[in-house]
Amino acid sequence: MYFCIKFHHITNHQSAMKYPGSISDFTQMRNDELIRAFRKVFAQKTFFDITKDYEQVVNMPCSRFWISEARASIVVSAIIRGQPILNTMRPTKREMFLEIYNRVLAIREKKPDTPLIDIVFEVVNSPAPKFYMKPRHARNIIYKMKNGHYKK
């Protein structure tokens, strides 16, 4: 089975790539959700173990997958075509894309005539089981938020 994705607003693979230091359209939403998870975890604590506490934060459920629909579509399409795109990814990103891919396949079986891009959009905007980031990265984001790095 072969699926192809057509993008009207993306002209090439590079357009949907995230570059170091770039801030996506939903960064603020992700950060707000991350800080809520942080507050929820730390509000229950009388003794702090930063390593375990941030591990708990990043493993809390999220309202969506924190990846653009365009990037997720490119990766899912590559997986479907058998390209070894997952081999070069960090374990957390690989895990996230495999979860998205598995959900896409499950929906595709129920809705075989639905375009892949629409299914990916639905999956990416559905609740995610966790943040798919390392605890250290979450700690860095929260530190930057507290120091005004993300303010406009």
C-alpha atoms as a PDB file:
ATOM      1  CA  MET A   1       0.000   0.000   0.000  1.00  0.00           C
ATOM      2  CA  TYR A   2       1.454   3.393  -1.004  1.00  0.00           C
ATOM      3  CA  PHE A   3       0.277   6.798   0.127  1.00  0.00           C
ATOM      4  CA  CYS A   4       1.335  10.128  -1.267  1.00  0.00           C
ATOM      5  CA  ILE A   5       0.938  13.529   0.309  1.00  0.00           C
ATOM      6  CA  LYS A   6       0.453  16.717  -1.656  1.00  0.00           C
ATOM      7  CA  PHE A   7       1.158  20.027   0.007  1.00  0.00           C
ATOM      8  CA  HIS A   8      -0.193  23.196  -1.490  1.00  0.00           C
ATOM      9  CA  HIS A   9       1.613  25.435   0.987  1.00  0.00           C
ATOM     10  CA  ILE A  10       4.901  23.536   1.246  1.00  0.00           C
ATOM     11  CA  THR A  11       7.135  23.539  -1.779  1.00  0.00           C
ATOM     12  CA  ASN A  12       9.841  21.164  -0.569  1.00  0.00           C
ATOM     13  CA  HIS A  13      10.961  18.961   2.304  1.00  0.00           C
ATOM     14  CA  GLN A  14      13.111  21.729   3.769  1.00  0.00           C
ATOM     15  CA  SER A  15      10.076  23.992   4.318  1.00  0.00           C
ATOM     16  CA  ALA A  16       8.642  21.715   6.982  1.00  0.00           C
ATOM     17  CA  MET A  17      11.897  21.192   8.860  1.00  0.00           C
ATOM     18  CA  LYS A  18      12.517  22.698  12.271  1.00  0.00           C
ATOM     19  CA  TYR A  19      15.868  24.344  12.663  1.00  0.00           C
ATOM     20  CA  PRO A  20      17.722  24.829  15.959  1.00  0.00           C
ATOM     21  CA  GLY A  21      16.517  27.984  17.638  1.00  0.00           C
ATOM     22  CA  SER A  22      13.323  28.240  15.600  1.00  0.00           C
ATOM     23  CA  ILE A  23      10.088  28.850  17.465  1.00  0.00           C
ATOM     24  CA  SER A  24       6.997  27.243  15.981  1.00  0.00           C
ATOM     25  CA  ASP A  25       3.485  28.647  15.922  1.00  0.00           C
ATOM     26  CA  PHE A  26       2.410  26.514  18.869  1.00  0.00           C
ATOM     27  CA  THR A  27       5.465  26.931  21.090  1.00  0.00           C
ATOM     28  CA  GLN A  28       3.559  29.163  23.503  1.00  0.00           C
ATOM     29  CA  MET A  29       0.717  26.628  23.733  1.00  0.00           C
ATOM     30  CA  ARG A  30       3.191  23.831  24.436  1.00  0.00           C
ATOM     31  CA  ASN A  31       5.016  25.929  27.004  1.00  0.00           C
ATOM     32  CA  ASP A  32       1.763  26.841  28.760  1.00  0.00           C
ATOM     33  CA  GLU A  33       0.804  23.182  28.923  1.00  0.00           C
ATOM     34  CA  LEU A  34       4.279  22.228  30.129  1.00  0.00           C
ATOM     35  CA  ILE A  35       4.202  24.806  32.928  1.00  0.00           C
ATOM     36  CA  ARG A  36       0.755  23.549  34.014  1.00  0.00           C
ATOM     37  CA  ALA A  37       2.137  20.009  34.189  1.00  0.00           C
ATOM     38  CA  PHE A  38       5.155  21.331  36.109  1.00  0.00           C
ATOM     39  CA  ARG A  39       2.941  23.126  38.629  1.00  0.00           C
ATOM     40  CA  LYS A  40       0.698  20.099  39.038  1.00  0.00           C
ATOM     41  CA  VAL A  41       3.643  17.805  39.768  1.00  0.00           C
ATOM     42  CA  PHE A  42       5.468  20.218  42.054  1.00  0.00           C
ATOM     43  CA  ALA A  43       2.315  21.301  43.936  1.00  0.00           C
ATOM     44  CA  GLN A  44       2.025  17.775  45.331  1.00  0.00           C
ATOM     45  CA  LYS A  45       5.625  17.641  46.557  1.00  0.00           C
ATOM     46  CA  THR A  46       7.083  18.157  49.986  1.00  0.00           C
ATOM     47  CA  PHE A  47      10.374  16.543  48.986  1.00  0.00           C
ATOM     48  CA  PHE A  48      11.885  17.315  45.593  1.00  0.00           C
ATOM     49  CA  ASP A  49      13.894  14.962  43.428  1.00  0.00           C
ATOM     50  CA  ILE A  50      14.385  17.133  40.354  1.00  0.00           C
ATOM     51  CA  THR A  51      15.329  14.246  38.065  1.00  0.00           C
ATOM     52  CA  LYS A  52      12.290  12.140  38.968  1.00  0.00           C
ATOM     53  CA  ASP A  53       9.966  15.137  39.168  1.00  0.00           C
ATOM     54  CA  TYR A  54      10.796  16.351  35.639  1.00  0.00           C
ATOM     55  CA  GLU A  55      10.481  12.764  34.411  1.00  0.00           C
ATOM     56  CA  GLN A  56       6.948  12.829  35.801  1.00  0.00           C
ATOM     57  CA  VAL A  57       6.262  16.195  34.119  1.00  0.00           C
ATOM     58  CA  VAL A  58       7.275  15.031  30.628  1.00  0.00           C
ATOM     59  CA  ASN A  59       5.258  11.828  30.996  1.00  0.00           C
ATOM     60  CA  MET A  60       2.005  13.649  31.709  1.00  0.00           C
ATOM     61  CA  PRO A  61      -0.659  13.583  28.970  1.00  0.00           C
ATOM     62  CA  CYS A  62      -0.901  16.520  26.549  1.00  0.00           C
ATOM     63  CA  SER A  63      -3.755  18.041  24.592  1.00  0.00           C
ATOM     64  CA  ARG A  64      -1.965  17.294  21.286  1.00  0.00           C
ATOM     65  CA  PHE A  65       1.297  16.133  19.752  1.00  0.00           C
ATOM     66  CA  TRP A  66       3.738  19.035  19.764  1.00  0.00           C
ATOM     67  CA  ILE A  67       4.792  18.768  16.123  1.00  0.00           C
ATOM     68  CA  SER A  68       3.460  20.568  13.077  1.00  0.00           C
ATOM     69  CA  GLU A  69       0.982  18.759  10.890  1.00  0.00           C
ATOM     70  CA  ALA A  70       3.254  19.355   7.891  1.00  0.00           C
ATOM     71  CA  ARG A  71       6.320  17.795   9.521  1.00  0.00           C
ATOM     72  CA  ALA A  72       4.287  14.866  10.859  1.00  0.00           C
ATOM     73  CA  SER A  73       2.861  14.260   7.378  1.00  0.00           C
ATOM     74  CA  ILE A  74       6.317  14.214   5.818  1.00  0.00           C
ATOM     75  CA  VAL A  75       7.629  11.754   8.401  1.00  0.00           C
ATOM     76  CA  VAL A  76       4.568   9.464   8.289  1.00  0.00           C
ATOM     77  CA  SER A  77       4.655   9.445   4.487  1.00  0.00           C
ATOM     78  CA  ALA A  78       8.359   8.528   4.565  1.00  0.00           C
ATOM     79  CA  ILE A  79       7.695   5.698   7.038  1.00  0.00           C
ATOM     80  CA  ILE A  80       4.907   4.371   4.838  1.00  0.00           C
ATOM     81  CA  ARG A  81       7.225   4.453   1.810  1.00  0.00           C
ATOM     82  CA  GLY A  82       9.801   2.448   3.765  1.00  0.00           C
ATOM     83  CA  GLN A  83      12.414   5.187   4.057  1.00  0.00           C
ATOM     84  CA  PRO A  84      14.694   4.784   7.096  1.00  0.00           C
ATOM     85  CA  ILE A  85      13.837   8.255   8.434  1.00  0.00           C
ATOM     86  CA  LEU A  86      13.417   7.032  12.033  1.00  0.00           C
ATOM     87  CA  ASN A  87      16.990   5.731  12.207  1.00  0.00           C
ATOM     88  CA  THR A  88      18.473   9.208  12.588  1.00  0.00           C
ATOM     89  CA  MET A  89      16.005  10.512  15.185  1.00  0.00           C
ATOM     90  CA  ARG A  90      16.436  10.895  18.902  1.00  0.00           C
ATOM     91  CA  PRO A  91      14.587   8.166  20.835  1.00  0.00           C
ATOM     92  CA  THR A  92      11.865  10.523  22.105  1.00  0.00           C
ATOM     93  CA  LYS A  93      11.079  11.843  18.604  1.00  0.00           C
ATOM     94  CA  ARG A  94      11.176   8.328  17.172  1.00  0.00           C
ATOM     95  CA  GLU A  95       8.716   7.176  19.813  1.00  0.00           C
ATOM     96  CA  MET A  96       6.404  10.108  19.063  1.00  0.00           C
ATOM     97  CA  PHE A  97       6.431   9.529  15.308  1.00  0.00           C
ATOM     98  CA  LEU A  98       5.799   5.807  15.773  1.00  0.00           C
ATOM     99  CA  GLU A  99       2.781   6.632  17.945  1.00  0.00           C
ATOM    100  CA  ILE A 100       1.496   9.056  15.298  1.00  0.00           C
ATOM    101  CA  TYR A 101       2.158   6.508  12.542  1.00  0.00           C
ATOM    102  CA  ASN A 102       0.318   3.730  14.407  1.00  0.00           C
ATOM    103  CA  ARG A 103      -2.669   5.978  15.016  1.00  0.00           C
ATOM    104  CA  VAL A 104      -2.686   7.037  11.360  1.00  0.00           C
ATOM    105  CA  LEU A 105      -2.742   3.388  10.263  1.00  0.00           C
ATOM    106  CA  ALA A 106      -5.617   2.605  12.648  1.00  0.00           C
ATOM    107  CA  ILE A 107      -7.701   5.495  11.314  1.00  0.00           C
ATOM    108  CA  ARG A 108      -6.713   4.694   7.720  1.00  0.00           C
ATOM    109  CA  GLU A 109      -8.245   1.231   8.104  1.00  0.00           C
ATOM    110  CA  LYS A 110     -11.550   2.761   9.211  1.00  0.00           C
ATOM    111  CA  LYS A 111     -11.451   5.610   6.658  1.00  0.00           C
ATOM    112  CA  PRO A 112      -9.570   4.307   3.610  1.00  0.00           C
ATOM    113  CA  ASP A 113     -10.781   7.125   1.321  1.00  0.00           C
ATOM    114  CA  THR A 114      -9.651   9.943   3.610  1.00  0.00           C
ATOM    115  CA  PRO A 115      -6.508  11.738   2.414  1.00  0.00           C
ATOM    116  CA  LEU A 116      -3.436  10.995   4.496  1.00  0.00           C
ATOM    117  CA  ILE A 117      -2.866  14.663   5.301  1.00  0.00           C
ATOM    118  CA  ASP A 118      -6.347  14.858   6.858  1.00  0.00           C
ATOM    119  CA  ILE A 119      -5.719  11.780   8.984  1.00  0.00           C
ATOM    120  CA  VAL A 120      -2.353  13.114  10.149  1.00  0.00           C
ATOM    121  CA  PHE A 121      -4.004  16.437  11.008  1.00  0.00           C
ATOM    122  CA  GLU A 122      -6.593  14.593  13.098  1.00  0.00           C
ATOM    123  CA  VAL A 123      -3.955  12.514  14.887  1.00  0.00           C
ATOM    124  CA  VAL A 124      -1.545  15.373  15.618  1.00  0.00           C
ATOM    125  CA  ASN A 125      -4.371  17.426  17.091  1.00  0.00           C
ATOM    126  CA  SER A 126      -5.635  14.596  19.285  1.00  0.00           C
ATOM    127  CA  PRO A 127      -4.473  14.045  22.873  1.00  0.00           C
ATOM    128  CA  ALA A 128      -0.926  12.729  23.222  1.00  0.00           C
ATOM    129  CA  PRO A 129       0.110  10.392  26.030  1.00  0.00           C
ATOM    130  CA  LYS A 130       3.103  12.566  26.960  1.00  0.00           C
ATOM    131  CA  PHE A 131       5.297  15.489  25.897  1.00  0.00           C
ATOM    132  CA  TYR A 132       7.891  13.325  24.093  1.00  0.00           C
ATOM    133  CA  MET A 133      10.874  15.255  25.398  1.00  0.00           C
ATOM    134  CA  LYS A 134      13.671  14.545  27.801  1.00  0.00           C
ATOM    135  CA  PRO A 135      13.262  15.820  31.355  1.00  0.00           C
ATOM    136  CA  ARG A 136      16.363  17.982  30.889  1.00  0.00           C
ATOM    137  CA  HIS A 137      14.750  19.691  27.880  1.00  0.00           C
ATOM    138  CA  ALA A 138      11.576  20.404  29.875  1.00  0.00           C
ATOM    139  CA  ARG A 139      13.681  21.861  32.659  1.00  0.00           C
ATOM    140  CA  ASN A 140      15.483  24.117  30.154  1.00  0.00           C
ATOM    141  CA  ILE A 141      12.192  25.314  28.649  1.00  0.00           C
ATOM    142  CA  ILE A 142      10.750  26.134  32.071  1.00  0.00           C
ATOM    143  CA  TYR A 143      13.970  27.911  33.046  1.00  0.00           C
ATOM    144  CA  LYS A 144      13.802  29.991  29.848  1.00  0.00           C
ATOM    145  CA  MET A 145      10.133  30.782  30.479  1.00  0.00           C
ATOM    146  CA  LYS A 146      10.926  32.012  33.978  1.00  0.00           C
ATOM    147  CA  ASN A 147      13.691  34.225  32.554  1.00  0.00           C
ATOM    148  CA  GLY A 148      11.491  35.741  29.836  1.00  0.00           C
ATOM    149  CA  HIS A 149      13.140  34.040  26.840  1.00  0.00           C
ATOM    150  CA  TYR A 150       9.804  33.267  25.160  1.00  0.00           C
ATOM    151  CA  LYS A 151       8.171  36.669  25.733  1.00  0.00           C
ATOM    152  CA  LYS A 152       7.340  38.730  22.657  1.00  0.00           C
END
